[in-house]
Every structure is written in C-alpha cells, then in structure tokens.
Amino acid sequence: MRHMLDSTGIFAPIFFIIVQAVQVIIPILPGAVGCAFGVAFFGAVKGFLYNYIGICIGSICAFLIARAYGQNFVKSITSKRFFQKYNRYLTDKNRFEKLFSLLIFLPVAPDDFLCYLAGISSMSFRKFTLIILLGKPAAILLYSMGLYKIFQFIPLFIK
C-alpha cells in the first residue's frame, strides 16, 4: 500500500480516498484496517479526514447500489445469518432508523453491510446521508486517534 501511495505522488490522498470508498462497496477488509493505513500514511488529522471522506462516499454508494438492485442483491452479498438478524428491523421504519443511527455511531458495527441494508429500507436518501455524515466522524475519529497512539508506541517495542 505504501508503494502504491508513493507512486501516485501528489494524488496519493485522492487514490487513498478512492480505496477507502471501494473497500466499503466491496467489503473485503474491516474498516479499521483502512483507517489504520490512513493514519499510518497521512498522520492522525489528514488520515482521519481522508478516511472520513472515502468511507462516506463508499457508504452513500452502497446505499444507492442497494436501492437500485434491491433485496435479492443485498441477500446475495450478505450472509444469511446477518440478513436475518437485521431484516426484522426493516418492517418498523422508526426502529430501524434508530438502530442504524446507533450502530453507525459505534466503531464496532458492520457498517458496510448496514449501508446496503439501509438501501432496501424505507429510509430516505436524505436521512441516510445525514446519519452517515454526522455519525461516521465519531467512529472514524476513535479509530484514527486510537491507532495514531498505538503507532506512536510501536517504535518503543521494536528497538
């Protein structure tokens, strides 16, 4: 990753933001891994900013993809267990929106898949976007600052 970012020169932040967005749309790695890369390569403040922008873009794309392709698509990209666990909340709009808001705020929730699930809910795009823009910073900030502190400690153990 370092080599790829270095090879993009002044476009490294844009490249990283795109990588973060894609890792939400195609959730192969946990979000914490991407956040760790952002902090390691760009520092706490810029890492947080680039993580936030990329994750928000990816989250909005995931919502729109689910909205366009529907429930069968979401079922095909999530585990049966996950879908059954959260699908029961979709029937009660207020309950789902409250649960979604809470889970997006927390740094340990399966956010990527929840964005797809929100796309097949009755939640409006505007409400979804507001929740993502206001809820994601707390989780990303916790990851970014926590990881930054850990990275400061690592050289002490390597010597």
N, C-alpha and C. Protein backbone atom coordinates (compact mmCIF):
# COMPACT_ATOMS: atom_id res chain seq x y z
N MET A 1 0.84 -1.19 0.00
CA MET A 1 0.00 0.00 0.00
C MET A 1 0.88 1.25 0.00
N ARG A 2 1.92 1.21 0.80
CA ARG A 2 2.84 2.36 0.86
C ARG A 2 3.43 2.62 -0.52
N HIS A 3 3.85 1.56 -1.20
CA HIS A 3 4.44 1.71 -2.53
C HIS A 3 3.41 2.32 -3.50
N MET A 4 2.18 1.83 -3.45
CA MET A 4 1.14 2.37 -4.35
C MET A 4 0.89 3.85 -4.06
N LEU A 5 0.81 4.19 -2.79
CA LEU A 5 0.57 5.60 -2.44
C LEU A 5 1.74 6.47 -2.86
N ASP A 6 2.95 5.99 -2.62
CA ASP A 6 4.13 6.76 -3.03
C ASP A 6 4.18 6.95 -4.55
N SER A 7 3.75 5.92 -5.29
CA SER A 7 3.81 6.01 -6.75
C SER A 7 2.77 6.98 -7.31
N THR A 8 1.76 7.33 -6.54
CA THR A 8 0.74 8.26 -7.03
C THR A 8 1.11 9.72 -6.76
N GLY A 9 2.20 9.93 -6.04
CA GLY A 9 2.69 11.29 -5.81
C GLY A 9 1.68 12.20 -5.13
N ILE A 10 1.45 13.35 -5.72
CA ILE A 10 0.54 14.33 -5.10
C ILE A 10 -0.91 13.86 -5.12
N PHE A 11 -1.18 12.80 -5.90
CA PHE A 11 -2.54 12.26 -5.96
C PHE A 11 -2.78 11.17 -4.92
N ALA A 12 -1.81 10.95 -4.03
CA ALA A 12 -1.94 9.90 -3.01
C ALA A 12 -3.22 10.07 -2.17
N PRO A 13 -3.54 11.28 -1.71
CA PRO A 13 -4.78 11.40 -0.93
C PRO A 13 -6.03 11.01 -1.73
N ILE A 14 -6.10 11.40 -2.99
CA ILE A 14 -7.26 11.06 -3.83
C ILE A 14 -7.31 9.54 -4.05
N PHE A 15 -6.16 8.95 -4.33
CA PHE A 15 -6.09 7.50 -4.51
C PHE A 15 -6.56 6.78 -3.24
N PHE A 16 -6.09 7.25 -2.09
CA PHE A 16 -6.47 6.62 -0.82
C PHE A 16 -7.97 6.76 -0.56
N ILE A 17 -8.53 7.93 -0.83
CA ILE A 17 -9.97 8.15 -0.65
C ILE A 17 -10.75 7.17 -1.53
N ILE A 18 -10.30 6.97 -2.75
CA ILE A 18 -10.97 6.02 -3.65
C ILE A 18 -10.87 4.60 -3.09
N VAL A 19 -9.70 4.23 -2.59
CA VAL A 19 -9.52 2.91 -1.99
C VAL A 19 -10.48 2.74 -0.81
N GLN A 20 -10.58 3.76 0.02
CA GLN A 20 -11.49 3.68 1.18
C GLN A 20 -12.94 3.53 0.71
N ALA A 21 -13.33 4.26 -0.30
CA ALA A 21 -14.71 4.16 -0.81
C ALA A 21 -14.97 2.75 -1.35
N VAL A 22 -14.02 2.23 -2.11
CA VAL A 22 -14.18 0.90 -2.70
C VAL A 22 -14.24 -0.17 -1.61
N GLN A 23 -13.45 -0.02 -0.55
CA GLN A 23 -13.47 -1.05 0.49
C GLN A 23 -14.79 -1.06 1.27
N VAL A 24 -15.58 -0.01 1.17
CA VAL A 24 -16.93 -0.03 1.74
C VAL A 24 -17.87 -0.74 0.77
N ILE A 25 -17.75 -0.43 -0.51
CA ILE A 25 -18.63 -1.00 -1.53
C ILE A 25 -18.36 -2.50 -1.68
N ILE A 26 -17.11 -2.88 -1.65
CA ILE A 26 -16.71 -4.29 -1.72
C ILE A 26 -16.02 -4.61 -0.39
N PRO A 27 -16.81 -4.93 0.62
CA PRO A 27 -16.27 -5.07 1.98
C PRO A 27 -15.45 -6.33 2.19
N ILE A 28 -14.18 -6.24 1.79
CA ILE A 28 -13.26 -7.37 1.95
C ILE A 28 -12.50 -7.23 3.26
N LEU A 29 -12.07 -6.02 3.57
CA LEU A 29 -11.32 -5.77 4.80
C LEU A 29 -12.19 -5.01 5.80
N PRO A 30 -11.97 -5.24 7.08
CA PRO A 30 -12.67 -4.43 8.08
C PRO A 30 -12.27 -2.96 7.95
N GLY A 31 -13.20 -2.06 8.24
CA GLY A 31 -12.94 -0.63 8.13
C GLY A 31 -11.75 -0.17 8.94
N ALA A 32 -11.48 -0.84 10.06
CA ALA A 32 -10.36 -0.45 10.91
C ALA A 32 -9.03 -0.59 10.20
N VAL A 33 -8.94 -1.55 9.29
CA VAL A 33 -7.69 -1.75 8.55
C VAL A 33 -7.43 -0.55 7.64
N GLY A 34 -8.45 -0.12 6.92
CA GLY A 34 -8.31 1.06 6.08
C GLY A 34 -7.98 2.30 6.89
N CYS A 35 -8.64 2.43 8.03
CA CYS A 35 -8.36 3.57 8.91
C CYS A 35 -6.91 3.53 9.41
N ALA A 36 -6.42 2.34 9.68
CA ALA A 36 -5.03 2.20 10.14
C ALA A 36 -4.07 2.68 9.06
N PHE A 37 -4.34 2.28 7.79
CA PHE A 37 -3.50 2.74 6.69
C PHE A 37 -3.52 4.26 6.59
N GLY A 38 -4.70 4.84 6.68
CA GLY A 38 -4.82 6.30 6.58
C GLY A 38 -4.00 7.02 7.63
N VAL A 39 -4.08 6.54 8.85
CA VAL A 39 -3.34 7.17 9.96
C VAL A 39 -1.84 6.94 9.80
N ALA A 40 -1.48 5.72 9.41
CA ALA A 40 -0.05 5.39 9.26
C ALA A 40 0.61 6.22 8.16
N PHE A 41 -0.10 6.43 7.06
CA PHE A 41 0.49 7.12 5.92
C PHE A 41 0.35 8.63 5.95
N PHE A 42 -0.74 9.12 6.52
CA PHE A 42 -1.01 10.55 6.45
C PHE A 42 -1.02 11.26 7.80
N GLY A 43 -0.90 10.52 8.89
CA GLY A 43 -0.97 11.12 10.22
C GLY A 43 -2.41 11.14 10.72
N ALA A 44 -2.58 11.55 11.96
CA ALA A 44 -3.89 11.48 12.61
C ALA A 44 -4.93 12.39 11.96
N VAL A 45 -4.58 13.63 11.71
CA VAL A 45 -5.57 14.59 11.22
C VAL A 45 -5.92 14.34 9.75
N LYS A 46 -4.91 14.29 8.89
CA LYS A 46 -5.19 14.04 7.47
C LYS A 46 -5.73 12.62 7.27
N GLY A 47 -5.20 11.67 8.04
CA GLY A 47 -5.70 10.30 7.96
C GLY A 47 -7.18 10.23 8.30
N PHE A 48 -7.57 10.94 9.36
CA PHE A 48 -8.98 11.00 9.73
C PHE A 48 -9.81 11.61 8.60
N LEU A 49 -9.36 12.71 8.06
CA LEU A 49 -10.10 13.41 7.01
C LEU A 49 -10.26 12.53 5.77
N TYR A 50 -9.18 11.90 5.31
CA TYR A 50 -9.26 11.06 4.12
C TYR A 50 -10.09 9.81 4.37
N ASN A 51 -9.96 9.24 5.56
CA ASN A 51 -10.80 8.09 5.93
C ASN A 51 -12.27 8.50 5.90
N TYR A 52 -12.58 9.62 6.50
CA TYR A 52 -13.96 10.09 6.59
C TYR A 52 -14.57 10.32 5.20
N ILE A 53 -13.84 11.01 4.36
CA ILE A 53 -14.35 11.31 3.02
C ILE A 53 -14.58 10.01 2.24
N GLY A 54 -13.59 9.13 2.23
CA GLY A 54 -13.71 7.88 1.49
C GLY A 54 -14.82 6.98 2.02
N ILE A 55 -14.91 6.85 3.32
CA ILE A 55 -15.93 5.99 3.92
C ILE A 55 -17.32 6.56 3.67
N CYS A 56 -17.48 7.86 3.76
CA CYS A 56 -18.80 8.45 3.49
C CYS A 56 -19.20 8.26 2.03
N ILE A 57 -18.27 8.46 1.11
CA ILE A 57 -18.56 8.25 -0.31
C ILE A 57 -18.95 6.79 -0.55
N GLY A 58 -18.18 5.87 0.00
CA GLY A 58 -18.47 4.45 -0.16
C GLY A 58 -19.81 4.06 0.45
N SER A 59 -20.12 4.62 1.62
CA SER A 59 -21.38 4.31 2.29
C SER A 59 -22.57 4.77 1.46
N ILE A 60 -22.47 5.97 0.91
CA ILE A 60 -23.55 6.50 0.07
C ILE A 60 -23.69 5.66 -1.20
N CYS A 61 -22.57 5.25 -1.78
CA CYS A 61 -22.63 4.38 -2.97
C CYS A 61 -23.29 3.05 -2.63
N ALA A 62 -22.94 2.45 -1.49
CA ALA A 62 -23.54 1.18 -1.08
C ALA A 62 -25.05 1.32 -0.94
N PHE A 63 -25.49 2.40 -0.32
CA PHE A 63 -26.92 2.66 -0.16
C PHE A 63 -27.60 2.74 -1.53
N LEU A 64 -27.00 3.51 -2.44
CA LEU A 64 -27.60 3.70 -3.76
C LEU A 64 -27.59 2.41 -4.59
N ILE A 65 -26.55 1.61 -4.45
CA ILE A 65 -26.50 0.32 -5.15
C ILE A 65 -27.63 -0.58 -4.65
N ALA A 66 -27.79 -0.65 -3.34
CA ALA A 66 -28.87 -1.47 -2.78
C ALA A 66 -30.23 -0.95 -3.19
N ARG A 67 -30.37 0.35 -3.22
CA ARG A 67 -31.65 0.95 -3.63
C ARG A 67 -31.95 0.60 -5.09
N ALA A 68 -30.92 0.57 -5.92
CA ALA A 68 -31.12 0.28 -7.34
C ALA A 68 -31.36 -1.21 -7.61
N TYR A 69 -30.65 -2.09 -6.88
CA TYR A 69 -30.70 -3.51 -7.20
C TYR A 69 -31.58 -4.33 -6.26
N GLY A 70 -31.97 -3.78 -5.12
CA GLY A 70 -32.98 -4.40 -4.28
C GLY A 70 -32.53 -5.49 -3.33
N GLN A 71 -33.54 -6.08 -2.71
CA GLN A 71 -33.34 -7.04 -1.63
C GLN A 71 -32.59 -8.30 -2.07
N ASN A 72 -32.88 -8.83 -3.23
CA ASN A 72 -32.18 -10.04 -3.69
C ASN A 72 -30.68 -9.80 -3.82
N PHE A 73 -30.31 -8.63 -4.30
CA PHE A 73 -28.89 -8.30 -4.40
C PHE A 73 -28.25 -8.23 -3.01
N VAL A 74 -28.92 -7.56 -2.09
CA VAL A 74 -28.39 -7.43 -0.72
C VAL A 74 -28.25 -8.81 -0.08
N LYS A 75 -29.23 -9.66 -0.29
CA LYS A 75 -29.14 -11.03 0.24
C LYS A 75 -27.94 -11.77 -0.34
N SER A 76 -27.65 -11.51 -1.60
CA SER A 76 -26.55 -12.22 -2.26
C SER A 76 -25.17 -11.78 -1.78
N ILE A 77 -25.07 -10.59 -1.22
CA ILE A 77 -23.74 -10.12 -0.77
C ILE A 77 -23.56 -10.18 0.74
N THR A 78 -24.61 -10.56 1.46
CA THR A 78 -24.50 -10.67 2.91
C THR A 78 -24.72 -12.12 3.31
N SER A 79 -24.28 -12.44 4.50
CA SER A 79 -24.54 -13.80 4.98
C SER A 79 -26.01 -13.93 5.34
N LYS A 80 -26.51 -15.14 5.26
CA LYS A 80 -27.91 -15.40 5.59
C LYS A 80 -28.19 -15.00 7.03
N ARG A 81 -27.26 -15.33 7.91
CA ARG A 81 -27.40 -15.02 9.34
C ARG A 81 -27.50 -13.51 9.57
N PHE A 82 -26.62 -12.74 8.94
CA PHE A 82 -26.64 -11.29 9.09
C PHE A 82 -27.97 -10.73 8.58
N PHE A 83 -28.37 -11.16 7.40
CA PHE A 83 -29.60 -10.63 6.82
C PHE A 83 -30.79 -10.92 7.71
N GLN A 84 -30.88 -12.14 8.22
CA GLN A 84 -31.99 -12.49 9.11
C GLN A 84 -31.95 -11.69 10.41
N LYS A 85 -30.76 -11.46 10.91
CA LYS A 85 -30.61 -10.73 12.17
C LYS A 85 -31.16 -9.30 12.06
N TYR A 86 -30.84 -8.61 10.97
CA TYR A 86 -31.22 -7.21 10.83
C TYR A 86 -32.49 -6.99 10.02
N ASN A 87 -32.87 -7.95 9.20
CA ASN A 87 -34.05 -7.79 8.35
C ASN A 87 -35.32 -7.56 9.17
N ARG A 88 -35.40 -8.15 10.35
CA ARG A 88 -36.61 -7.99 11.17
C ARG A 88 -36.83 -6.54 11.60
N TYR A 89 -35.79 -5.75 11.59
CA TYR A 89 -35.93 -4.33 11.97
C TYR A 89 -36.48 -3.48 10.82
N LEU A 90 -36.36 -4.00 9.60
CA LEU A 90 -36.78 -3.23 8.43
C LEU A 90 -38.29 -2.97 8.40
N THR A 91 -39.06 -3.83 9.02
CA THR A 91 -40.52 -3.67 8.98
C THR A 91 -41.00 -2.48 9.81
N ASP A 92 -40.21 -2.07 10.78
CA ASP A 92 -40.56 -0.92 11.62
C ASP A 92 -39.57 0.20 11.31
N LYS A 93 -40.00 1.15 10.49
CA LYS A 93 -39.13 2.22 9.99
C LYS A 93 -38.41 2.95 11.12
N ASN A 94 -39.14 3.39 12.13
CA ASN A 94 -38.52 4.15 13.22
C ASN A 94 -37.50 3.32 13.99
N ARG A 95 -37.83 2.06 14.21
CA ARG A 95 -36.92 1.18 14.95
C ARG A 95 -35.63 0.98 14.15
N PHE A 96 -35.76 0.74 12.85
CA PHE A 96 -34.57 0.54 12.02
C PHE A 96 -33.72 1.80 11.98
N GLU A 97 -34.35 2.95 11.81
CA GLU A 97 -33.58 4.19 11.72
C GLU A 97 -32.83 4.47 13.02
N LYS A 98 -33.44 4.19 14.16
CA LYS A 98 -32.77 4.38 15.44
C LYS A 98 -31.61 3.40 15.60
N LEU A 99 -31.86 2.14 15.26
CA LEU A 99 -30.81 1.14 15.35
C LEU A 99 -29.66 1.47 14.41
N PHE A 100 -29.99 1.83 13.18
CA PHE A 100 -28.98 2.19 12.20
C PHE A 100 -28.13 3.37 12.69
N SER A 101 -28.79 4.40 13.20
CA SER A 101 -28.08 5.58 13.70
C SER A 101 -27.11 5.20 14.82
N LEU A 102 -27.56 4.39 15.73
CA LEU A 102 -26.72 3.96 16.85
C LEU A 102 -25.53 3.14 16.36
N LEU A 103 -25.80 2.18 15.50
CA LEU A 103 -24.72 1.31 15.03
C LEU A 103 -23.70 2.04 14.17
N ILE A 104 -24.14 3.00 13.39
CA ILE A 104 -23.20 3.78 12.57
C ILE A 104 -22.28 4.61 13.48
N PHE A 105 -22.80 5.06 14.59
CA PHE A 105 -22.03 5.86 15.53
C PHE A 105 -20.95 5.02 16.23
N LEU A 106 -21.23 3.74 16.44
CA LEU A 106 -20.29 2.87 17.16
C LEU A 106 -19.21 2.34 16.21
N PRO A 107 -17.98 2.24 16.69
CA PRO A 107 -16.89 1.81 15.81
C PRO A 107 -16.80 0.31 15.58
N VAL A 108 -17.69 -0.49 16.14
CA VAL A 108 -17.55 -1.94 16.00
C VAL A 108 -18.68 -2.59 15.19
N ALA A 109 -19.57 -1.83 14.65
CA ALA A 109 -20.71 -2.37 13.90
C ALA A 109 -20.30 -2.73 12.47
N PRO A 110 -21.05 -3.62 11.83
CA PRO A 110 -20.78 -3.97 10.43
C PRO A 110 -21.35 -2.90 9.49
N ASP A 111 -20.76 -1.73 9.53
CA ASP A 111 -21.30 -0.55 8.82
C ASP A 111 -21.53 -0.75 7.33
N ASP A 112 -20.58 -1.41 6.67
CA ASP A 112 -20.69 -1.56 5.22
C ASP A 112 -21.99 -2.27 4.85
N PHE A 113 -22.24 -3.38 5.52
CA PHE A 113 -23.45 -4.15 5.22
C PHE A 113 -24.71 -3.42 5.69
N LEU A 114 -24.59 -2.67 6.76
CA LEU A 114 -25.75 -1.90 7.24
C LEU A 114 -26.15 -0.83 6.22
N CYS A 115 -25.17 -0.29 5.50
CA CYS A 115 -25.49 0.69 4.47
C CYS A 115 -26.28 0.05 3.33
N TYR A 116 -25.91 -1.17 2.97
CA TYR A 116 -26.68 -1.90 1.97
C TYR A 116 -28.09 -2.18 2.47
N LEU A 117 -28.19 -2.58 3.73
CA LEU A 117 -29.49 -2.87 4.31
C LEU A 117 -30.36 -1.61 4.35
N ALA A 118 -29.75 -0.49 4.68
CA ALA A 118 -30.49 0.78 4.70
C ALA A 118 -31.02 1.11 3.30
N GLY A 119 -30.28 0.70 2.28
CA GLY A 119 -30.71 0.95 0.91
C GLY A 119 -31.99 0.23 0.53
N ILE A 120 -32.29 -0.87 1.21
CA ILE A 120 -33.54 -1.57 0.90
C ILE A 120 -34.63 -1.27 1.94
N SER A 121 -34.31 -0.38 2.86
CA SER A 121 -35.31 0.04 3.84
C SER A 121 -36.12 1.20 3.26
N SER A 122 -37.04 1.69 4.05
CA SER A 122 -37.83 2.85 3.60
C SER A 122 -37.18 4.17 3.98
N MET A 123 -35.96 4.11 4.52
CA MET A 123 -35.24 5.33 4.91
C MET A 123 -34.98 6.19 3.68
N SER A 124 -35.19 7.47 3.82
CA SER A 124 -34.94 8.38 2.70
C SER A 124 -33.43 8.55 2.50
N PHE A 125 -33.05 8.86 1.27
CA PHE A 125 -31.64 9.12 0.96
C PHE A 125 -31.11 10.27 1.81
N ARG A 126 -31.93 11.29 1.96
CA ARG A 126 -31.52 12.46 2.74
C ARG A 126 -31.22 12.10 4.20
N LYS A 127 -32.12 11.31 4.80
CA LYS A 127 -31.91 10.90 6.20
C LYS A 127 -30.68 10.01 6.31
N PHE A 128 -30.52 9.09 5.39
CA PHE A 128 -29.35 8.21 5.39
C PHE A 128 -28.06 9.03 5.33
N THR A 129 -28.01 9.95 4.39
CA THR A 129 -26.82 10.77 4.21
C THR A 129 -26.52 11.58 5.46
N LEU A 130 -27.54 12.13 6.06
CA LEU A 130 -27.37 12.90 7.30
C LEU A 130 -26.80 12.03 8.41
N ILE A 131 -27.35 10.83 8.56
CA ILE A 131 -26.85 9.91 9.60
C ILE A 131 -25.39 9.56 9.33
N ILE A 132 -25.05 9.27 8.08
CA ILE A 132 -23.66 8.91 7.74
C ILE A 132 -22.73 10.09 8.01
N LEU A 133 -23.09 11.27 7.53
CA LEU A 133 -22.21 12.43 7.68
C LEU A 133 -22.02 12.85 9.13
N LEU A 134 -23.05 12.68 9.94
CA LEU A 134 -22.96 13.07 11.35
C LEU A 134 -22.49 11.93 12.26
N GLY A 135 -22.79 10.69 11.87
CA GLY A 135 -22.46 9.56 12.73
C GLY A 135 -21.09 8.97 12.51
N LYS A 136 -20.60 8.99 11.29
CA LYS A 136 -19.31 8.37 10.99
C LYS A 136 -18.11 9.07 11.63
N PRO A 137 -18.13 10.39 11.76
CA PRO A 137 -16.92 11.02 12.31
C PRO A 137 -16.50 10.48 13.69
N ALA A 138 -17.46 10.18 14.54
CA ALA A 138 -17.11 9.71 15.89
C ALA A 138 -16.36 8.38 15.82
N ALA A 139 -16.89 7.43 15.06
CA ALA A 139 -16.24 6.13 14.94
C ALA A 139 -14.87 6.25 14.27
N ILE A 140 -14.81 7.01 13.20
CA ILE A 140 -13.54 7.17 12.48
C ILE A 140 -12.53 7.91 13.35
N LEU A 141 -12.99 8.90 14.10
CA LEU A 141 -12.10 9.63 15.00
C LEU A 141 -11.54 8.70 16.07
N LEU A 142 -12.39 7.85 16.63
CA LEU A 142 -11.91 6.89 17.63
C LEU A 142 -10.87 5.96 17.03
N TYR A 143 -11.14 5.43 15.84
CA TYR A 143 -10.16 4.59 15.17
C TYR A 143 -8.88 5.37 14.89
N SER A 144 -9.01 6.53 14.28
CA SER A 144 -7.84 7.29 13.85
C SER A 144 -6.96 7.70 15.02
N MET A 145 -7.56 8.25 16.04
CA MET A 145 -6.76 8.72 17.18
C MET A 145 -6.20 7.54 17.99
N GLY A 146 -7.03 6.50 18.15
CA GLY A 146 -6.56 5.31 18.86
C GLY A 146 -5.39 4.66 18.13
N LEU A 147 -5.52 4.51 16.83
CA LEU A 147 -4.45 3.91 16.04
C LEU A 147 -3.22 4.79 16.02
N TYR A 148 -3.42 6.09 15.97
CA TYR A 148 -2.28 7.02 15.99
C TYR A 148 -1.47 6.83 17.28
N LYS A 149 -2.17 6.70 18.39
CA LYS A 149 -1.48 6.49 19.67
C LYS A 149 -0.75 5.15 19.68
N ILE A 150 -1.37 4.13 19.12
CA ILE A 150 -0.72 2.81 19.05
C ILE A 150 0.53 2.89 18.19
N PHE A 151 0.44 3.58 17.04
CA PHE A 151 1.60 3.70 16.16
C PHE A 151 2.74 4.48 16.83
N GLN A 152 2.40 5.38 17.73
CA GLN A 152 3.45 6.10 18.45
C GLN A 152 4.18 5.17 19.41
N PHE A 153 3.47 4.17 19.92
CA PHE A 153 4.04 3.21 20.87
C PHE A 153 4.90 2.14 20.20
N ILE A 154 4.59 1.77 18.97
CA ILE A 154 5.24 0.65 18.30
C ILE A 154 6.76 0.78 18.26
N PRO A 155 7.34 1.94 17.93
CA PRO A 155 8.81 2.01 17.90
C PRO A 155 9.45 1.66 19.24
N LEU A 156 8.76 1.87 20.35
CA LEU A 156 9.33 1.52 21.64
C LEU A 156 9.56 0.02 21.78
N PHE A 157 8.74 -0.78 21.11
CA PHE A 157 8.84 -2.22 21.24
C PHE A 157 9.73 -2.86 20.16
N ILE A 158 10.03 -2.11 19.12
CA ILE A 158 10.82 -2.65 18.02
C ILE A 158 12.32 -2.55 18.29
N LYS A 159 12.74 -1.60 19.09
CA LYS A 159 14.17 -1.37 19.35
C LYS A 159 14.87 -2.55 19.92
